[in-house]
Protein backbone atom coordinates (compact mmCIF):
# COMPACT_ATOMS: atom_id res chain seq x y z
CA MET A 1 6.01 -34.51 9.95
CA ASN A 2 4.25 -34.86 13.27
CA GLU A 3 2.36 -31.58 12.84
CA ILE A 4 0.84 -32.57 9.52
CA ARG A 5 -0.25 -35.92 10.94
CA SER A 6 -1.87 -34.32 13.99
CA LEU A 7 -3.32 -31.14 12.47
CA LEU A 8 -6.42 -32.10 10.53
CA THR A 9 -8.88 -29.19 10.35
CA ILE A 10 -8.69 -25.53 9.43
CA ARG A 11 -9.26 -24.71 13.08
CA ASP A 12 -6.31 -26.92 14.02
CA TYR A 13 -4.03 -24.99 11.67
CA LEU A 14 -5.33 -21.62 12.82
CA ARG A 15 -4.59 -22.43 16.44
CA TRP A 16 -1.17 -23.88 15.60
CA ALA A 17 -0.24 -20.91 13.38
CA VAL A 18 -1.17 -18.30 15.97
CA SER A 19 0.94 -20.10 18.58
CA ARG A 20 3.93 -20.38 16.27
CA PHE A 21 3.62 -16.79 15.01
CA ASN A 22 3.61 -15.46 18.57
CA GLU A 23 6.44 -17.78 19.56
CA ALA A 24 8.55 -16.45 16.67
CA SER A 25 7.71 -12.81 17.53
CA LEU A 26 6.68 -12.05 13.98
CA PHE A 27 5.95 -8.45 13.03
CA PHE A 28 2.50 -7.64 11.66
CA GLY A 29 1.98 -4.49 9.65
CA HIS A 30 1.25 -5.46 6.07
CA GLY A 31 -2.51 -5.69 6.10
CA THR A 32 -3.00 -7.23 9.56
CA ASP A 33 -1.89 -6.23 13.04
CA ASN A 34 -2.08 -9.52 14.95
CA ALA A 35 -1.25 -13.21 14.67
CA TRP A 36 -4.84 -14.42 14.36
CA ASP A 37 -5.77 -12.21 11.39
CA GLU A 38 -2.47 -13.05 9.69
CA ALA A 39 -3.10 -16.77 10.08
CA VAL A 40 -6.67 -16.45 8.81
CA ALA A 41 -5.53 -14.49 5.75
CA LEU A 42 -2.82 -17.00 4.86
CA ILE A 43 -4.75 -20.20 5.46
CA LEU A 44 -7.99 -19.19 3.79
CA HIS A 45 -6.12 -17.86 0.77
CA VAL A 46 -4.24 -21.13 0.36
CA LEU A 47 -7.53 -23.03 0.51
CA HIS A 48 -9.27 -20.61 -1.91
CA LEU A 49 -11.87 -19.79 0.71
CA PRO A 50 -13.45 -16.35 1.27
CA PRO A 51 -12.82 -14.51 4.56
CA ASP A 52 -16.52 -14.62 5.47
CA ILE A 53 -16.95 -18.41 5.38
CA ASP A 54 -19.43 -20.15 7.64
CA PRO A 55 -17.56 -20.92 10.92
CA LYS A 56 -18.70 -24.53 10.60
CA VAL A 57 -16.28 -24.93 7.71
CA LEU A 58 -13.39 -24.42 10.12
CA ASP A 59 -13.99 -27.90 11.47
CA GLY A 60 -13.84 -29.54 8.06
CA ARG A 61 -10.87 -31.86 7.55
CA LEU A 62 -8.27 -30.93 4.99
CA THR A 63 -6.91 -33.31 2.41
CA LEU A 64 -3.31 -34.43 2.79
CA THR A 65 -2.26 -32.20 -0.11
CA GLU A 66 -4.00 -29.20 1.46
CA ARG A 67 -2.35 -29.88 4.81
CA HIS A 68 1.10 -29.95 3.23
CA THR A 69 0.43 -26.74 1.27
CA VAL A 70 -0.93 -24.86 4.29
CA PHE A 71 1.90 -26.06 6.52
CA ASP A 72 4.57 -25.06 3.98
CA ARG A 73 3.08 -21.58 3.58
CA LEU A 74 2.97 -21.04 7.35
CA GLN A 75 6.54 -22.25 7.71
CA ARG A 76 7.70 -19.74 5.11
CA ARG A 77 6.01 -16.95 7.03
CA ILE A 78 7.84 -18.02 10.18
CA GLN A 79 11.27 -18.97 8.85
CA GLU A 80 11.71 -16.37 6.10
CA ARG A 81 9.74 -13.60 7.87
CA THR A 82 8.11 -12.95 4.49
CA PRO A 83 5.02 -10.70 4.78
CA ALA A 84 1.79 -12.57 4.11
CA PRO A 85 0.82 -10.55 0.99
CA TYR A 86 4.04 -11.63 -0.71
CA LEU A 87 3.12 -15.25 0.01
CA THR A 88 -0.44 -14.88 -1.26
CA HIS A 89 0.36 -12.27 -3.95
CA GLU A 90 -2.69 -10.35 -2.81
CA ALA A 91 -3.20 -7.12 -0.87
CA TRP A 92 -6.27 -4.98 -0.32
CA PHE A 93 -6.59 -1.22 -0.71
CA ALA A 94 -9.77 0.88 -0.81
CA GLY A 95 -11.83 -2.30 -0.89
CA LEU A 96 -10.02 -3.57 -3.99
CA SER A 97 -7.76 -6.60 -4.41
CA PHE A 98 -4.27 -6.03 -5.85
CA TYR A 99 -1.53 -8.31 -7.08
CA VAL A 100 1.75 -7.71 -5.22
CA ASP A 101 5.21 -9.24 -5.11
CA ASP A 102 8.57 -8.11 -3.78
CA ARG A 103 9.02 -5.59 -6.60
CA VAL A 104 6.62 -3.21 -4.84
CA LEU A 105 5.59 -2.03 -1.40
CA ILE A 106 2.61 -3.78 0.10
CA PRO A 107 -0.38 -1.35 0.10
CA ARG A 108 -1.23 -0.14 3.60
CA SER A 109 -1.78 3.59 3.28
CA PRO A 110 -4.55 5.64 4.95
CA LEU A 111 -4.85 7.46 1.63
CA ALA A 112 -7.51 4.89 0.74
CA GLU A 113 -9.99 6.76 2.94
CA LEU A 114 -9.46 9.99 1.01
CA ILE A 115 -10.03 8.28 -2.31
CA GLU A 116 -13.17 6.55 -1.04
CA SER A 117 -14.52 9.94 0.08
CA HIS A 118 -13.63 11.47 -3.32
CA PHE A 119 -11.22 13.88 -1.59
CA GLN A 120 -14.13 15.72 -0.02
CA PRO A 121 -14.39 18.31 1.47
CA TRP A 122 -11.07 19.45 0.03
CA ILE A 123 -12.20 19.55 -3.58
CA ASP A 124 -15.40 19.33 -5.61
CA PRO A 125 -15.38 15.81 -7.11
CA ASP A 126 -17.30 17.04 -10.16
CA ARG A 127 -14.35 19.27 -11.06
CA VAL A 128 -11.78 16.50 -11.05
CA ARG A 129 -10.66 15.70 -14.59
CA ASN A 130 -6.99 14.80 -14.12
CA ILE A 131 -5.30 13.01 -11.21
CA LEU A 132 -1.57 12.41 -10.79
CA ASP A 133 -0.21 9.57 -8.64
CA LEU A 134 3.50 10.02 -7.96
CA CYS A 135 5.56 6.95 -6.95
CA THR A 136 2.71 4.63 -7.87
CA GLY A 137 4.36 1.33 -6.89
CA SER A 138 1.73 -1.39 -7.22
CA GLY A 139 -0.64 1.10 -8.83
CA CYS A 140 -3.15 0.77 -5.99
CA ILE A 141 -3.67 4.54 -5.60
CA ALA A 142 -3.99 5.04 -9.35
CA VAL A 143 -6.46 2.17 -9.77
CA ALA A 144 -8.55 3.17 -6.75
CA SER A 145 -8.62 6.78 -7.97
CA ALA A 146 -9.69 5.71 -11.46
CA GLN A 147 -12.47 3.61 -9.97
CA ALA A 148 -13.63 6.49 -7.77
CA PHE A 149 -13.48 9.00 -10.64
CA PRO A 150 -14.53 7.15 -13.79
CA GLY A 151 -14.63 10.39 -15.76
CA ALA A 152 -11.07 11.38 -14.89
CA THR A 153 -7.73 10.53 -16.46
CA VAL A 154 -5.13 9.20 -14.02
CA ASP A 155 -1.42 9.56 -14.74
CA ALA A 156 0.91 7.46 -12.59
CA THR A 157 4.69 7.65 -12.37
CA ASP A 158 7.43 5.53 -10.87
CA ILE A 159 11.19 5.48 -11.27
CA SER A 160 11.19 1.67 -11.03
CA ASN A 161 10.38 -0.32 -14.17
CA ASP A 162 9.78 -3.36 -11.95
CA ALA A 163 7.13 -1.45 -10.02
CA LEU A 164 5.50 -0.25 -13.24
CA ALA A 165 5.28 -3.86 -14.42
CA VAL A 166 3.25 -4.70 -11.31
CA ALA A 167 1.15 -1.55 -11.70
CA LYS A 168 0.34 -2.65 -15.25
CA ILE A 169 -0.87 -6.02 -13.97
CA ASN A 170 -3.28 -4.25 -11.62
CA MET A 171 -4.36 -1.71 -14.22
CA LEU A 172 -5.23 -4.49 -16.66
CA ARG A 173 -6.95 -6.51 -13.91
CA TYR A 174 -9.53 -3.73 -13.66
CA SER A 175 -9.56 -2.97 -17.42
CA LEU A 176 -8.38 0.61 -16.83
CA GLU A 177 -5.79 0.82 -19.60
CA HIS A 178 -7.83 3.52 -21.35
CA GLN A 179 -8.07 5.62 -18.20
CA ILE A 180 -4.66 5.20 -16.56
CA ASN A 181 -1.35 6.25 -18.14
CA LEU A 182 1.82 4.78 -16.64
CA TYR A 183 5.06 6.74 -16.95
CA ALA A 184 8.62 5.64 -16.19
CA SER A 185 9.55 8.92 -14.57
CA ASP A 186 11.55 10.42 -11.74
CA LEU A 187 8.56 12.23 -10.21
CA PHE A 188 7.38 14.89 -12.71
CA GLU A 189 10.28 14.49 -15.15
CA ALA A 190 8.65 12.54 -18.01
CA LEU A 191 5.08 13.81 -17.65
CA PRO A 192 3.19 15.58 -20.45
CA HIS A 193 2.58 19.31 -20.12
CA LYS A 194 -0.73 19.37 -18.29
CA LYS A 195 -2.22 20.32 -14.94
CA TYR A 196 -4.04 18.22 -12.36
CA GLU A 197 -6.86 18.88 -9.93
CA VAL A 198 -5.34 16.30 -7.57
CA ILE A 199 -1.72 15.26 -7.09
CA ILE A 200 -1.43 12.43 -4.61
CA SER A 201 1.66 10.55 -3.48
CA ASN A 202 2.87 7.92 -1.07
CA PRO A 203 6.60 8.41 -1.77
CA PRO A 204 9.63 6.95 0.00
CA TYR A 205 9.85 8.69 3.39
CA VAL A 206 11.77 6.44 5.79
CA ASP A 207 14.77 8.16 7.37
CA ALA A 208 18.20 6.56 7.79
CA PHE A 209 17.75 5.70 11.47
CA GLU A 210 14.35 4.07 10.91
CA MET A 211 15.67 2.12 7.91
CA ALA A 212 18.37 0.60 10.11
CA GLU A 213 15.77 -0.42 12.71
CA LEU A 214 13.11 -1.93 10.41
CA PRO A 215 11.80 -5.40 11.36
CA PRO A 216 12.86 -8.27 9.05
CA GLU A 217 9.46 -8.28 7.32
CA PHE A 218 10.12 -4.81 5.87
CA GLN A 219 13.49 -5.90 4.53
CA HIS A 220 11.65 -7.98 1.93
CA GLU A 221 10.27 -4.76 0.43
CA PRO A 222 12.31 -2.76 -2.13
CA ALA A 223 14.56 -0.27 -0.33
CA LEU A 224 14.10 2.14 -3.23
CA ALA A 225 10.46 2.52 -2.22
CA LEU A 226 11.25 3.12 1.45
CA ALA A 227 14.54 4.97 1.99
CA ALA A 228 14.56 8.75 1.53
CA GLY A 229 17.83 10.01 2.96
CA LYS A 230 18.96 11.02 6.41
CA ASP A 231 15.73 12.84 7.35
CA GLY A 232 13.30 10.87 5.16
CA LEU A 233 12.46 13.96 3.11
CA ASP A 234 14.62 13.69 -0.01
CA ILE A 235 11.66 12.91 -2.28
CA VAL A 236 9.02 14.90 -0.40
CA LYS A 237 10.98 18.15 -0.68
CA ARG A 238 11.31 17.71 -4.45
CA ILE A 239 7.55 17.20 -4.69
CA LEU A 240 6.92 20.36 -2.66
CA PHE A 241 9.21 22.45 -4.85
CA ASP A 242 7.70 21.35 -8.18
CA ALA A 243 4.05 20.47 -7.52
CA LYS A 244 2.59 23.96 -8.00
CA LYS A 245 3.57 23.98 -11.68
CA TYR A 246 1.40 20.91 -12.23
CA LEU A 247 -1.68 21.90 -10.20
CA THR A 248 -4.75 23.72 -11.47
CA PRO A 249 -5.59 26.96 -9.59
CA HIS A 250 -8.09 25.06 -7.42
CA GLY A 251 -5.99 21.90 -7.21
CA ILE A 252 -4.70 20.08 -4.12
CA LEU A 253 -1.54 18.21 -3.24
CA ILE A 254 -1.78 15.23 -0.85
CA VAL A 255 1.37 13.51 0.36
CA GLU A 256 1.99 10.81 2.94
CA VAL A 257 5.18 11.34 4.95
CA GLY A 258 4.62 8.98 7.89
CA ASN A 259 7.02 9.41 10.77
CA SER A 260 8.91 12.13 8.88
CA GLU A 261 6.05 14.54 9.68
CA HIS A 262 7.96 16.23 12.51
CA ALA A 263 11.11 16.70 10.43
CA LEU A 264 9.03 18.28 7.67
CA ILE A 265 7.36 20.72 10.07
CA GLU A 266 10.73 21.70 11.51
CA GLN A 267 12.24 22.38 8.09
CA PHE A 268 9.22 24.25 6.73
CA PRO A 269 7.75 26.10 9.74
CA ASN A 270 6.02 28.69 7.57
CA VAL A 271 4.20 26.26 5.28
CA PRO A 272 0.52 25.92 6.34
CA PHE A 273 0.29 22.13 6.14
CA THR A 274 -3.14 20.65 6.82
CA TRP A 275 -2.53 17.33 8.61
CA LEU A 276 -5.37 14.97 7.84
CA GLU A 277 -7.12 12.65 10.26
CA PHE A 278 -8.51 9.23 9.39
CA GLN A 279 -11.38 7.28 10.88
CA ARG A 280 -9.60 3.96 10.35
CA GLY A 281 -6.32 5.14 11.83
CA GLY A 282 -3.04 6.28 10.36
CA GLY A 283 -1.54 9.71 9.95
CA GLY A 284 1.43 11.61 8.64
CA VAL A 285 -0.50 12.85 5.59
CA PHE A 286 -0.55 16.53 4.63
CA LEU A 287 -2.64 18.54 2.20
CA LEU A 288 -1.74 21.81 0.52
CA THR A 289 -3.68 23.87 -1.99
CA HIS A 290 -2.23 25.48 -5.11
CA GLU A 291 -2.35 28.84 -3.36
CA GLN A 292 -0.55 27.55 -0.27
CA LEU A 293 2.25 26.08 -2.37
């Protein structure tokens, strides 16, 4: 291959990858938002190098084996339109590394900010003893919550056994098996009889029109974790109707609904949703108290 013969250094591959990614009009939205960051993430991961390497290393020559491996990984990103985290099996959430594959959504939620701030000022962190993560997927919210609240028990549910298998990998990676309980459950269905100070969820919320218009990269993700009916609210409405029974009197419900925010407001004009703002961007996340529910 001419490219492998002519591309010798990390910098060579970075430049080449950015050009090819832009030429192919790839979509970026699974941890990066531009061709350069995507190329850096892929190439450095393949070479087992940290993201904060000395820039001088970029001019080091790669071995022939490394060049073939890097080139093949970049070609897969271009030809298959596979999101980078599925190629590296790594995604980041709340400053933590998570294993991911195509059985789960790739973590990218603004909910990380809330967990990092211990849900303040919405609740007193010292009062949090039980947290519920609905639709846990990769388990990133459950794991991050357990790390942020080492004295709390975290229950996490998902209807997909495949997703729970990935969540278990991440739970064990951080040795949290004594703090996190995983339940194969359709939302609240299989949970024990208990109440939670915090119920948090990033459920499926993509409406039918948006599902039909998703870029190819999103089509690698499980549709079960994305699609939520005509208006994107099939799961969210069920959470709203049942959550109060599982919240403590001072508890809070936090749910991400993304672009279905406007449909939710239209259907529930009398519900006093608090729409949260995030310093690092993102939106479509509401908070309700036990009393408001």
